[in-house]
Amino acid sequence: MSNDQILELVIKFKNLQGERTQWYQVFDKIYQEYVKGEASYETYNEKCQEITTHFVKISNDVQEVEQNLKDLGSDTFAEQLRLVQNLEREKLQLTAKYQIFNRETVLGEKDYSEVVKETEELLEVVVASINDTLEELQDAIAEL
């Protein structure tokens, strides 16, 4: 197992994670525009489809990095990437849930503010877990 190869793969993962963060910013921006009436539902929906395509590509690329780490015998790093992937999946599901219920609360006739609040709290926990795992990954890299 080559530390240089492992480091290269982890850097690739970190770059992919950075891309994912950028797409979350786009996701939030188009959602905010939609809720404020600055973007139509069609525009919002089209952007969501584009964002989903990018999230799928990033996820597939991370899975490839994870497999390459396993192939190099670096199960610990691969497991950390798997954990981040699982947390990111949960984050995306919670983000979608938040947007749906918040949109209904803001634009609709029903008040889902309790669900929105609970979902926001769960999102905070998931994001903290992602950040903790990324920090652990960074610490493990420093030990290489």
N, C-alpha and C. Protein backbone atom coordinates (compact mmCIF):
# COMPACT_ATOMS: atom_id res chain seq x y z
N MET A 1 0.86 -1.17 0.00
CA MET A 1 0.00 0.00 0.00
C MET A 1 0.90 1.23 0.00
N SER A 2 0.67 2.10 -0.95
CA SER A 2 1.46 3.31 -1.08
C SER A 2 0.73 4.48 -0.44
N ASN A 3 1.42 5.13 0.48
CA ASN A 3 0.82 6.30 1.13
C ASN A 3 0.52 7.41 0.13
N ASP A 4 1.38 7.53 -0.90
CA ASP A 4 1.14 8.56 -1.92
C ASP A 4 -0.15 8.29 -2.68
N GLN A 5 -0.40 7.02 -3.00
CA GLN A 5 -1.64 6.67 -3.71
C GLN A 5 -2.86 6.94 -2.83
N ILE A 6 -2.75 6.58 -1.57
CA ILE A 6 -3.85 6.82 -0.64
C ILE A 6 -4.11 8.31 -0.51
N LEU A 7 -3.04 9.07 -0.34
CA LEU A 7 -3.17 10.52 -0.22
C LEU A 7 -3.82 11.12 -1.46
N GLU A 8 -3.40 10.66 -2.62
CA GLU A 8 -3.97 11.14 -3.88
C GLU A 8 -5.48 10.86 -3.94
N LEU A 9 -5.88 9.67 -3.51
CA LEU A 9 -7.30 9.30 -3.52
C LEU A 9 -8.10 10.12 -2.51
N VAL A 10 -7.52 10.35 -1.35
CA VAL A 10 -8.22 11.13 -0.33
C VAL A 10 -8.37 12.58 -0.79
N ILE A 11 -7.35 13.10 -1.45
CA ILE A 11 -7.44 14.46 -2.00
C ILE A 11 -8.53 14.52 -3.07
N LYS A 12 -8.61 13.48 -3.90
CA LYS A 12 -9.67 13.43 -4.91
C LYS A 12 -11.04 13.44 -4.22
N PHE A 13 -11.17 12.67 -3.14
CA PHE A 13 -12.42 12.65 -2.39
C PHE A 13 -12.74 14.04 -1.83
N LYS A 14 -11.75 14.69 -1.25
CA LYS A 14 -11.98 16.02 -0.67
C LYS A 14 -12.43 17.01 -1.75
N ASN A 15 -11.85 16.89 -2.94
CA ASN A 15 -12.28 17.75 -4.05
C ASN A 15 -13.72 17.47 -4.45
N LEU A 16 -14.08 16.18 -4.47
CA LEU A 16 -15.47 15.81 -4.77
C LEU A 16 -16.41 16.34 -3.70
N GLN A 17 -15.98 16.26 -2.46
CA GLN A 17 -16.80 16.77 -1.36
C GLN A 17 -16.98 18.28 -1.50
N GLY A 18 -15.94 18.97 -1.96
CA GLY A 18 -16.04 20.41 -2.21
C GLY A 18 -17.05 20.71 -3.31
N GLU A 19 -17.04 19.89 -4.37
CA GLU A 19 -18.03 20.05 -5.44
C GLU A 19 -19.44 19.85 -4.90
N ARG A 20 -19.59 18.83 -4.06
CA ARG A 20 -20.90 18.55 -3.48
C ARG A 20 -21.39 19.76 -2.67
N THR A 21 -20.49 20.36 -1.92
CA THR A 21 -20.84 21.54 -1.12
C THR A 21 -21.30 22.68 -2.04
N GLN A 22 -20.60 22.87 -3.15
CA GLN A 22 -20.98 23.92 -4.09
C GLN A 22 -22.37 23.67 -4.67
N TRP A 23 -22.67 22.41 -4.96
CA TRP A 23 -24.00 22.10 -5.51
C TRP A 23 -25.08 22.27 -4.46
N TYR A 24 -24.76 22.02 -3.20
CA TYR A 24 -25.73 22.30 -2.14
C TYR A 24 -26.04 23.80 -2.07
N GLN A 25 -25.03 24.63 -2.31
CA GLN A 25 -25.25 26.07 -2.32
C GLN A 25 -26.17 26.48 -3.46
N VAL A 26 -25.98 25.85 -4.62
CA VAL A 26 -26.87 26.11 -5.76
C VAL A 26 -28.29 25.65 -5.43
N PHE A 27 -28.39 24.48 -4.79
CA PHE A 27 -29.68 23.92 -4.38
C PHE A 27 -30.40 24.88 -3.45
N ASP A 28 -29.69 25.39 -2.47
CA ASP A 28 -30.29 26.32 -1.52
C ASP A 28 -30.69 27.63 -2.21
N LYS A 29 -29.84 28.11 -3.09
CA LYS A 29 -30.10 29.38 -3.77
C LYS A 29 -31.37 29.29 -4.63
N ILE A 30 -31.49 28.23 -5.43
CA ILE A 30 -32.67 28.13 -6.29
C ILE A 30 -33.92 27.91 -5.45
N TYR A 31 -33.78 27.21 -4.33
CA TYR A 31 -34.93 27.03 -3.44
C TYR A 31 -35.38 28.37 -2.87
N GLN A 32 -34.42 29.15 -2.39
CA GLN A 32 -34.76 30.47 -1.83
C GLN A 32 -35.42 31.35 -2.88
N GLU A 33 -34.90 31.31 -4.10
CA GLU A 33 -35.49 32.10 -5.18
C GLU A 33 -36.92 31.65 -5.47
N TYR A 34 -37.13 30.35 -5.45
CA TYR A 34 -38.47 29.80 -5.70
C TYR A 34 -39.45 30.23 -4.62
N VAL A 35 -39.06 30.08 -3.37
CA VAL A 35 -39.95 30.43 -2.25
C VAL A 35 -40.27 31.92 -2.25
N LYS A 36 -39.31 32.75 -2.64
CA LYS A 36 -39.53 34.20 -2.68
C LYS A 36 -40.29 34.65 -3.93
N GLY A 37 -40.56 33.70 -4.83
CA GLY A 37 -41.27 34.05 -6.06
C GLY A 37 -40.37 34.59 -7.15
N GLU A 38 -39.06 34.49 -6.96
CA GLU A 38 -38.10 35.00 -7.94
C GLU A 38 -37.81 33.97 -9.02
N ALA A 39 -38.19 32.71 -8.79
CA ALA A 39 -38.00 31.64 -9.78
C ALA A 39 -39.30 30.85 -9.86
N SER A 40 -39.65 30.44 -11.06
CA SER A 40 -40.87 29.66 -11.25
C SER A 40 -40.65 28.22 -10.78
N TYR A 41 -41.75 27.50 -10.62
CA TYR A 41 -41.65 26.08 -10.26
C TYR A 41 -40.88 25.32 -11.33
N GLU A 42 -41.11 25.65 -12.60
CA GLU A 42 -40.42 24.98 -13.70
C GLU A 42 -38.91 25.19 -13.60
N THR A 43 -38.50 26.42 -13.33
CA THR A 43 -37.07 26.72 -13.18
C THR A 43 -36.49 25.96 -12.00
N TYR A 44 -37.21 25.98 -10.89
CA TYR A 44 -36.78 25.25 -9.69
C TYR A 44 -36.65 23.77 -9.99
N ASN A 45 -37.64 23.20 -10.64
CA ASN A 45 -37.65 21.78 -10.96
C ASN A 45 -36.50 21.41 -11.90
N GLU A 46 -36.28 22.22 -12.93
CA GLU A 46 -35.18 21.98 -13.87
C GLU A 46 -33.84 22.01 -13.15
N LYS A 47 -33.66 22.99 -12.28
CA LYS A 47 -32.41 23.12 -11.54
C LYS A 47 -32.23 21.93 -10.60
N CYS A 48 -33.32 21.48 -9.98
CA CYS A 48 -33.24 20.30 -9.10
C CYS A 48 -32.80 19.07 -9.88
N GLN A 49 -33.30 18.92 -11.11
CA GLN A 49 -32.88 17.79 -11.94
C GLN A 49 -31.39 17.88 -12.28
N GLU A 50 -30.94 19.08 -12.60
CA GLU A 50 -29.52 19.28 -12.89
C GLU A 50 -28.67 18.97 -11.66
N ILE A 51 -29.09 19.45 -10.52
CA ILE A 51 -28.36 19.22 -9.27
C ILE A 51 -28.32 17.73 -8.94
N THR A 52 -29.44 17.05 -9.13
CA THR A 52 -29.50 15.61 -8.88
C THR A 52 -28.50 14.87 -9.76
N THR A 53 -28.41 15.26 -11.02
CA THR A 53 -27.45 14.64 -11.93
C THR A 53 -26.03 14.80 -11.40
N HIS A 54 -25.71 15.98 -10.92
CA HIS A 54 -24.37 16.22 -10.38
C HIS A 54 -24.14 15.43 -9.09
N PHE A 55 -25.14 15.38 -8.22
CA PHE A 55 -25.00 14.60 -6.98
C PHE A 55 -24.77 13.12 -7.29
N VAL A 56 -25.47 12.59 -8.28
CA VAL A 56 -25.29 11.18 -8.65
C VAL A 56 -23.87 10.95 -9.17
N LYS A 57 -23.39 11.85 -10.02
CA LYS A 57 -22.03 11.71 -10.55
C LYS A 57 -21.00 11.77 -9.42
N ILE A 58 -21.16 12.72 -8.52
CA ILE A 58 -20.24 12.84 -7.39
C ILE A 58 -20.28 11.58 -6.55
N SER A 59 -21.46 11.08 -6.27
CA SER A 59 -21.60 9.87 -5.48
C SER A 59 -20.91 8.68 -6.15
N ASN A 60 -21.11 8.54 -7.45
CA ASN A 60 -20.45 7.46 -8.19
C ASN A 60 -18.93 7.61 -8.16
N ASP A 61 -18.45 8.83 -8.31
CA ASP A 61 -17.01 9.08 -8.25
C ASP A 61 -16.44 8.76 -6.87
N VAL A 62 -17.18 9.10 -5.82
CA VAL A 62 -16.74 8.79 -4.46
C VAL A 62 -16.72 7.28 -4.25
N GLN A 63 -17.70 6.58 -4.78
CA GLN A 63 -17.72 5.12 -4.66
C GLN A 63 -16.50 4.50 -5.35
N GLU A 64 -16.11 5.08 -6.46
CA GLU A 64 -14.91 4.61 -7.17
C GLU A 64 -13.66 4.85 -6.31
N VAL A 65 -13.56 6.02 -5.71
CA VAL A 65 -12.43 6.31 -4.81
C VAL A 65 -12.44 5.33 -3.64
N GLU A 66 -13.61 5.09 -3.09
CA GLU A 66 -13.74 4.15 -1.97
C GLU A 66 -13.24 2.77 -2.37
N GLN A 67 -13.65 2.30 -3.55
CA GLN A 67 -13.21 0.98 -4.02
C GLN A 67 -11.70 0.96 -4.24
N ASN A 68 -11.15 2.03 -4.80
CA ASN A 68 -9.70 2.10 -5.01
C ASN A 68 -8.95 2.04 -3.69
N LEU A 69 -9.49 2.69 -2.67
CA LEU A 69 -8.87 2.63 -1.34
C LEU A 69 -8.91 1.20 -0.79
N LYS A 70 -10.04 0.53 -0.98
CA LYS A 70 -10.14 -0.87 -0.55
C LYS A 70 -9.13 -1.74 -1.29
N ASP A 71 -9.00 -1.50 -2.59
CA ASP A 71 -8.05 -2.26 -3.40
C ASP A 71 -6.62 -2.07 -2.92
N LEU A 72 -6.34 -0.90 -2.36
CA LEU A 72 -5.01 -0.61 -1.82
C LEU A 72 -4.85 -1.13 -0.40
N GLY A 73 -5.90 -1.72 0.15
CA GLY A 73 -5.85 -2.25 1.51
C GLY A 73 -6.07 -1.20 2.58
N SER A 74 -6.60 -0.07 2.18
CA SER A 74 -6.85 1.02 3.13
C SER A 74 -8.33 1.03 3.53
N ASP A 75 -8.70 0.00 4.26
CA ASP A 75 -10.11 -0.15 4.65
C ASP A 75 -10.57 0.98 5.56
N THR A 76 -9.69 1.48 6.40
CA THR A 76 -10.08 2.55 7.33
C THR A 76 -10.53 3.79 6.58
N PHE A 77 -9.75 4.20 5.59
CA PHE A 77 -10.14 5.36 4.78
C PHE A 77 -11.41 5.07 3.99
N ALA A 78 -11.49 3.87 3.44
CA ALA A 78 -12.68 3.50 2.67
C ALA A 78 -13.93 3.54 3.54
N GLU A 79 -13.81 3.08 4.78
CA GLU A 79 -14.94 3.10 5.70
C GLU A 79 -15.36 4.53 6.03
N GLN A 80 -14.39 5.42 6.17
CA GLN A 80 -14.73 6.82 6.44
C GLN A 80 -15.46 7.44 5.26
N LEU A 81 -15.04 7.11 4.05
CA LEU A 81 -15.73 7.61 2.87
C LEU A 81 -17.15 7.05 2.80
N ARG A 82 -17.32 5.78 3.15
CA ARG A 82 -18.65 5.16 3.16
C ARG A 82 -19.54 5.87 4.18
N LEU A 83 -18.98 6.17 5.34
CA LEU A 83 -19.75 6.88 6.36
C LEU A 83 -20.19 8.25 5.85
N VAL A 84 -19.28 8.97 5.23
CA VAL A 84 -19.63 10.29 4.68
C VAL A 84 -20.72 10.14 3.62
N GLN A 85 -20.58 9.13 2.76
CA GLN A 85 -21.60 8.91 1.72
C GLN A 85 -22.98 8.67 2.34
N ASN A 86 -23.02 7.83 3.36
CA ASN A 86 -24.30 7.54 4.02
C ASN A 86 -24.88 8.79 4.67
N LEU A 87 -24.02 9.57 5.31
CA LEU A 87 -24.47 10.81 5.93
C LEU A 87 -24.94 11.82 4.88
N GLU A 88 -24.24 11.87 3.76
CA GLU A 88 -24.64 12.79 2.68
C GLU A 88 -25.99 12.38 2.09
N ARG A 89 -26.22 11.08 1.99
CA ARG A 89 -27.52 10.61 1.51
C ARG A 89 -28.63 11.07 2.47
N GLU A 90 -28.35 10.90 3.76
CA GLU A 90 -29.32 11.33 4.77
C GLU A 90 -29.52 12.85 4.71
N LYS A 91 -28.43 13.59 4.52
CA LYS A 91 -28.53 15.05 4.43
C LYS A 91 -29.40 15.46 3.24
N LEU A 92 -29.21 14.80 2.12
CA LEU A 92 -29.99 15.14 0.93
C LEU A 92 -31.47 14.84 1.15
N GLN A 93 -31.76 13.70 1.77
CA GLN A 93 -33.16 13.36 2.06
C GLN A 93 -33.78 14.38 3.00
N LEU A 94 -33.04 14.77 4.02
CA LEU A 94 -33.56 15.76 4.97
C LEU A 94 -33.71 17.13 4.33
N THR A 95 -32.78 17.48 3.45
CA THR A 95 -32.87 18.76 2.75
C THR A 95 -34.12 18.80 1.88
N ALA A 96 -34.36 17.72 1.16
CA ALA A 96 -35.56 17.65 0.32
C ALA A 96 -36.82 17.73 1.19
N LYS A 97 -36.82 17.00 2.30
CA LYS A 97 -37.97 17.03 3.21
C LYS A 97 -38.19 18.45 3.74
N TYR A 98 -37.10 19.09 4.13
CA TYR A 98 -37.18 20.47 4.62
C TYR A 98 -37.80 21.37 3.55
N GLN A 99 -37.29 21.27 2.33
CA GLN A 99 -37.78 22.15 1.27
C GLN A 99 -39.26 21.92 0.99
N ILE A 100 -39.67 20.67 0.97
CA ILE A 100 -41.08 20.36 0.69
C ILE A 100 -41.99 20.93 1.77
N PHE A 101 -41.67 20.64 3.02
CA PHE A 101 -42.55 21.08 4.11
C PHE A 101 -42.45 22.59 4.37
N ASN A 102 -41.27 23.14 4.20
CA ASN A 102 -41.14 24.58 4.37
C ASN A 102 -41.88 25.31 3.26
N ARG A 103 -41.75 24.80 2.05
CA ARG A 103 -42.45 25.42 0.92
C ARG A 103 -43.96 25.40 1.17
N GLU A 104 -44.47 24.27 1.64
CA GLU A 104 -45.91 24.17 1.92
C GLU A 104 -46.31 25.14 3.02
N THR A 105 -45.45 25.28 4.02
CA THR A 105 -45.75 26.21 5.12
C THR A 105 -45.75 27.65 4.62
N VAL A 106 -44.77 27.99 3.77
CA VAL A 106 -44.65 29.37 3.28
C VAL A 106 -45.68 29.68 2.20
N LEU A 107 -45.86 28.75 1.26
CA LEU A 107 -46.70 29.03 0.10
C LEU A 107 -48.08 28.38 0.16
N GLY A 108 -48.24 27.38 1.01
CA GLY A 108 -49.48 26.62 1.02
C GLY A 108 -50.43 27.04 2.12
N GLU A 109 -51.38 26.17 2.34
CA GLU A 109 -52.41 26.46 3.33
C GLU A 109 -52.18 25.70 4.63
N LYS A 110 -51.22 24.81 4.66
CA LYS A 110 -50.97 24.03 5.87
C LYS A 110 -49.72 24.53 6.56
N ASP A 111 -49.72 24.38 7.87
CA ASP A 111 -48.58 24.81 8.67
C ASP A 111 -47.81 23.58 9.14
N TYR A 112 -46.63 23.41 8.57
CA TYR A 112 -45.75 22.30 8.94
C TYR A 112 -44.54 22.82 9.71
N SER A 113 -44.68 23.92 10.40
CA SER A 113 -43.53 24.55 11.04
C SER A 113 -42.85 23.62 12.04
N GLU A 114 -43.60 22.76 12.72
CA GLU A 114 -42.97 21.81 13.65
C GLU A 114 -42.10 20.80 12.91
N VAL A 115 -42.61 20.29 11.80
CA VAL A 115 -41.84 19.34 10.98
C VAL A 115 -40.60 20.04 10.43
N VAL A 116 -40.77 21.27 9.99
CA VAL A 116 -39.64 22.05 9.46
C VAL A 116 -38.58 22.22 10.54
N LYS A 117 -39.00 22.57 11.74
CA LYS A 117 -38.05 22.77 12.85
C LYS A 117 -37.33 21.47 13.18
N GLU A 118 -38.06 20.37 13.28
CA GLU A 118 -37.45 19.07 13.58
C GLU A 118 -36.45 18.68 12.49
N THR A 119 -36.83 18.92 11.25
CA THR A 119 -35.96 18.58 10.13
C THR A 119 -34.69 19.43 10.15
N GLU A 120 -34.83 20.71 10.46
CA GLU A 120 -33.66 21.58 10.58
C GLU A 120 -32.71 21.07 11.67
N GLU A 121 -33.28 20.64 12.78
CA GLU A 121 -32.45 20.12 13.88
C GLU A 121 -31.74 18.84 13.47
N LEU A 122 -32.44 17.95 12.77
CA LEU A 122 -31.81 16.72 12.28
C LEU A 122 -30.71 17.04 11.27
N LEU A 123 -30.97 18.02 10.42
CA LEU A 123 -29.95 18.44 9.45
C LEU A 123 -28.69 18.93 10.15
N GLU A 124 -28.86 19.69 11.21
CA GLU A 124 -27.71 20.19 11.97
C GLU A 124 -26.89 19.03 12.53
N VAL A 125 -27.56 18.00 13.02
CA VAL A 125 -26.87 16.83 13.57
C VAL A 125 -26.10 16.10 12.47
N VAL A 126 -26.75 15.91 11.33
CA VAL A 126 -26.11 15.20 10.22
C VAL A 126 -24.91 15.99 9.70
N VAL A 127 -25.07 17.29 9.53
CA VAL A 127 -23.96 18.12 9.05
C VAL A 127 -22.80 18.08 10.05
N ALA A 128 -23.10 18.12 11.33
CA ALA A 128 -22.04 18.02 12.35
C ALA A 128 -21.33 16.67 12.25
N SER A 129 -22.08 15.61 12.01
CA SER A 129 -21.48 14.28 11.86
C SER A 129 -20.59 14.21 10.62
N ILE A 130 -21.04 14.82 9.53
CA ILE A 130 -20.22 14.87 8.32
C ILE A 130 -18.93 15.61 8.62
N ASN A 131 -19.03 16.77 9.25
CA ASN A 131 -17.84 17.56 9.57
C ASN A 131 -16.90 16.82 10.50
N ASP A 132 -17.45 16.12 11.49
CA ASP A 132 -16.62 15.33 12.40
C ASP A 132 -15.88 14.23 11.65
N THR A 133 -16.57 13.56 10.75
CA THR A 133 -15.95 12.48 9.98
C THR A 133 -14.87 13.04 9.06
N LEU A 134 -15.13 14.18 8.45
CA LEU A 134 -14.12 14.81 7.59
C LEU A 134 -12.90 15.24 8.40
N GLU A 135 -13.13 15.70 9.62
CA GLU A 135 -12.02 16.07 10.49
C GLU A 135 -11.20 14.83 10.88
N GLU A 136 -11.88 13.74 11.18
CA GLU A 136 -11.18 12.48 11.48
C GLU A 136 -10.35 12.03 10.28
N LEU A 137 -10.92 12.18 9.10
CA LEU A 137 -10.21 11.83 7.88
C LEU A 137 -8.96 12.69 7.72
N GLN A 138 -9.10 13.98 7.98
CA GLN A 138 -7.95 14.89 7.90
C GLN A 138 -6.87 14.50 8.90
N ASP A 139 -7.28 14.14 10.12
CA ASP A 139 -6.32 13.70 11.13
C ASP A 139 -5.60 12.43 10.69
N ALA A 140 -6.34 11.51 10.09
CA ALA A 140 -5.73 10.26 9.62
C ALA A 140 -4.75 10.52 8.48
N ILE A 141 -5.05 11.49 7.64
CA ILE A 141 -4.13 11.85 6.55
C ILE A 141 -2.83 12.38 7.13
N ALA A 142 -2.95 13.19 8.16
CA ALA A 142 -1.76 13.79 8.78
C ALA A 142 -0.83 12.73 9.35
N GLU A 143 -1.40 11.58 9.70
CA GLU A 143 -0.59 10.50 10.27
C GLU A 143 0.11 9.66 9.20
N LEU A 144 -0.23 9.85 7.94
CA LEU A 144 0.42 9.08 6.86
C LEU A 144 1.88 9.43 6.73
